[in-house]
Amino acid sequence: MAYFVISFDLKHARLRNYQNFYQALRSFDGVEIREFVYIVDSRLSISRLFSEIHRWLHEDDALFITEFAKKPSWTKTLPGTKAWIDARFP
């Protein structure tokens, strides 16, 4: 299992349908930590994870994914962040 930060910018979120994108994102065991920023764990490689999510975006949308292995530090995150991190980094 690996841990990833997924950040994205949907340029025309109000004008386009992103239902498939969010469904793909929610299929991973993760939590939204800030608006447009998720942390997830997955058995997929980073390139496969990118492919699974990126295919639902439009060409002018932005996507950033990075892997992390150490317990992150944080402040002012959305509910659920602390529990997700504590469950994986006791």
C-alpha atoms as a PDB file:
ATOM      1  CA  MET A   1       0.000   0.000   0.000  1.00  0.00           C
ATOM      2  CA  ALA A   2       1.234   3.494  -0.850  1.00  0.00           C
ATOM      3  CA  TYR A   3       0.004   6.940   0.176  1.00  0.00           C
ATOM      4  CA  PHE A   4      -0.608   9.773  -2.272  1.00  0.00           C
ATOM      5  CA  VAL A   5      -1.565  13.443  -2.312  1.00  0.00           C
ATOM      6  CA  ILE A   6      -3.903  14.305  -5.174  1.00  0.00           C
ATOM      7  CA  SER A   7      -4.498  17.952  -5.992  1.00  0.00           C
ATOM      8  CA  PHE A   8      -6.525  19.274  -8.891  1.00  0.00           C
ATOM      9  CA  ASP A   9      -7.959  22.409 -10.452  1.00  0.00           C
ATOM     10  CA  LEU A  10     -11.161  22.039 -12.438  1.00  0.00           C
ATOM     11  CA  LYS A  11     -11.260  25.059 -14.737  1.00  0.00           C
ATOM     12  CA  HIS A  12     -14.960  24.919 -15.569  1.00  0.00           C
ATOM     13  CA  ALA A  13     -16.437  22.935 -12.701  1.00  0.00           C
ATOM     14  CA  ARG A  14     -19.813  24.656 -12.924  1.00  0.00           C
ATOM     15  CA  LEU A  15     -20.132  24.131 -16.667  1.00  0.00           C
ATOM     16  CA  ARG A  16     -18.894  20.559 -17.054  1.00  0.00           C
ATOM     17  CA  ASN A  17     -19.892  17.187 -15.691  1.00  0.00           C
ATOM     18  CA  TYR A  18     -17.219  15.769 -13.361  1.00  0.00           C
ATOM     19  CA  GLN A  19     -19.310  12.940 -11.930  1.00  0.00           C
ATOM     20  CA  ASN A  20     -16.975  10.246 -13.338  1.00  0.00           C
ATOM     21  CA  PHE A  21     -13.908  12.087 -12.048  1.00  0.00           C
ATOM     22  CA  TYR A  22     -15.267  12.282  -8.498  1.00  0.00           C
ATOM     23  CA  GLN A  23     -16.476   8.697  -8.654  1.00  0.00           C
ATOM     24  CA  ALA A  24     -12.958   7.565  -9.637  1.00  0.00           C
ATOM     25  CA  LEU A  25     -11.416   9.685  -6.893  1.00  0.00           C
ATOM     26  CA  ARG A  26     -13.798   8.309  -4.257  1.00  0.00           C
ATOM     27  CA  SER A  27     -13.059   4.728  -5.318  1.00  0.00           C
ATOM     28  CA  PHE A  28      -9.737   5.009  -3.479  1.00  0.00           C
ATOM     29  CA  ASP A  29      -9.470   4.884   0.300  1.00  0.00           C
ATOM     30  CA  GLY A  30      -8.966   8.562   0.973  1.00  0.00           C
ATOM     31  CA  VAL A  31     -10.139  11.792   2.512  1.00  0.00           C
ATOM     32  CA  GLU A  32     -10.484  15.353   1.246  1.00  0.00           C
ATOM     33  CA  ILE A  33      -8.097  17.422   3.377  1.00  0.00           C
ATOM     34  CA  ARG A  34      -8.621  20.797   1.691  1.00  0.00           C
ATOM     35  CA  GLU A  35     -10.769  21.923  -1.197  1.00  0.00           C
ATOM     36  CA  PHE A  36      -9.431  20.092  -4.275  1.00  0.00           C
ATOM     37  CA  VAL A  37      -6.810  18.178  -2.257  1.00  0.00           C
ATOM     38  CA  TYR A  38      -7.179  14.524  -1.261  1.00  0.00           C
ATOM     39  CA  ILE A  39      -4.914  12.013   0.417  1.00  0.00           C
ATOM     40  CA  VAL A  40      -5.462   8.384  -0.548  1.00  0.00           C
ATOM     41  CA  ASP A  41      -3.914   4.983  -0.153  1.00  0.00           C
ATOM     42  CA  SER A  42      -3.766   2.571  -3.033  1.00  0.00           C
ATOM     43  CA  ARG A  43      -2.030  -0.550  -4.291  1.00  0.00           C
ATOM     44  CA  LEU A  44      -1.709   1.073  -7.724  1.00  0.00           C
ATOM     45  CA  SER A  45       1.527   2.618  -8.955  1.00  0.00           C
ATOM     46  CA  ILE A  46       1.558   6.395  -9.199  1.00  0.00           C
ATOM     47  CA  SER A  47       1.395   6.227 -13.006  1.00  0.00           C
ATOM     48  CA  ARG A  48      -1.610   3.875 -12.908  1.00  0.00           C
ATOM     49  CA  LEU A  49      -3.326   6.042 -10.272  1.00  0.00           C
ATOM     50  CA  PHE A  50      -2.715   9.093 -12.466  1.00  0.00           C
ATOM     51  CA  SER A  51      -4.206   7.318 -15.494  1.00  0.00           C
ATOM     52  CA  GLU A  52      -7.293   6.191 -13.582  1.00  0.00           C
ATOM     53  CA  ILE A  53      -8.067   9.749 -12.490  1.00  0.00           C
ATOM     54  CA  HIS A  54      -6.695  11.855 -15.341  1.00  0.00           C
ATOM     55  CA  ARG A  55      -8.837  10.234 -18.005  1.00  0.00           C
ATOM     56  CA  TRP A  56     -11.933  11.929 -16.562  1.00  0.00           C
ATOM     57  CA  LEU A  57     -10.496  15.458 -16.721  1.00  0.00           C
ATOM     58  CA  HIS A  58     -10.656  17.969 -19.541  1.00  0.00           C
ATOM     59  CA  GLU A  59      -7.493  19.182 -21.264  1.00  0.00           C
ATOM     60  CA  ASP A  60      -7.474  22.542 -19.479  1.00  0.00           C
ATOM     61  CA  ASP A  61      -7.849  20.998 -15.984  1.00  0.00           C
ATOM     62  CA  ALA A  62      -4.809  20.494 -13.752  1.00  0.00           C
ATOM     63  CA  LEU A  63      -3.828  17.385 -11.792  1.00  0.00           C
ATOM     64  CA  PHE A  64      -0.907  16.784  -9.417  1.00  0.00           C
ATOM     65  CA  ILE A  65      -0.151  13.492  -7.658  1.00  0.00           C
ATOM     66  CA  THR A  66       2.767  12.725  -5.385  1.00  0.00           C
ATOM     67  CA  GLU A  67       3.594   9.799  -3.131  1.00  0.00           C
ATOM     68  CA  PHE A  68       4.508  10.140   0.535  1.00  0.00           C
ATOM     69  CA  ALA A  69       5.811   7.654   3.108  1.00  0.00           C
ATOM     70  CA  LYS A  70       6.215   9.608   6.341  1.00  0.00           C
ATOM     71  CA  LYS A  71       3.516  10.967   8.621  1.00  0.00           C
ATOM     72  CA  PRO A  72       2.573  14.432   7.364  1.00  0.00           C
ATOM     73  CA  SER A  73       2.155  17.535   9.482  1.00  0.00           C
ATOM     74  CA  TRP A  74      -0.950  19.652   9.025  1.00  0.00           C
ATOM     75  CA  THR A  75      -3.181  22.394  10.310  1.00  0.00           C
ATOM     76  CA  LYS A  76      -6.658  23.607   9.362  1.00  0.00           C
ATOM     77  CA  THR A  77      -7.722  20.598   7.343  1.00  0.00           C
ATOM     78  CA  LEU A  78     -11.208  19.292   6.724  1.00  0.00           C
ATOM     79  CA  PRO A  79     -12.876  16.844   9.129  1.00  0.00           C
ATOM     80  CA  GLY A  80     -11.617  13.299   8.808  1.00  0.00           C
ATOM     81  CA  THR A  81      -8.012  14.207   8.048  1.00  0.00           C
ATOM     82  CA  LYS A  82      -6.639  13.465  11.526  1.00  0.00           C
ATOM     83  CA  ALA A  83      -8.454  10.126  11.772  1.00  0.00           C
ATOM     84  CA  TRP A  84      -7.225   9.036   8.312  1.00  0.00           C
ATOM     85  CA  ILE A  85      -3.619   9.923   9.134  1.00  0.00           C
ATOM     86  CA  ASP A  86      -3.718   8.457  12.665  1.00  0.00           C
ATOM     87  CA  ALA A  87      -5.099   5.178  11.290  1.00  0.00           C
ATOM     88  CA  ARG A  88      -2.119   4.829   8.981  1.00  0.00           C
ATOM     89  CA  PHE A  89       0.655   6.392  11.057  1.00  0.00           C
ATOM     90  CA  PRO A  90       0.075   5.346  14.695  1.00  0.00           C
END
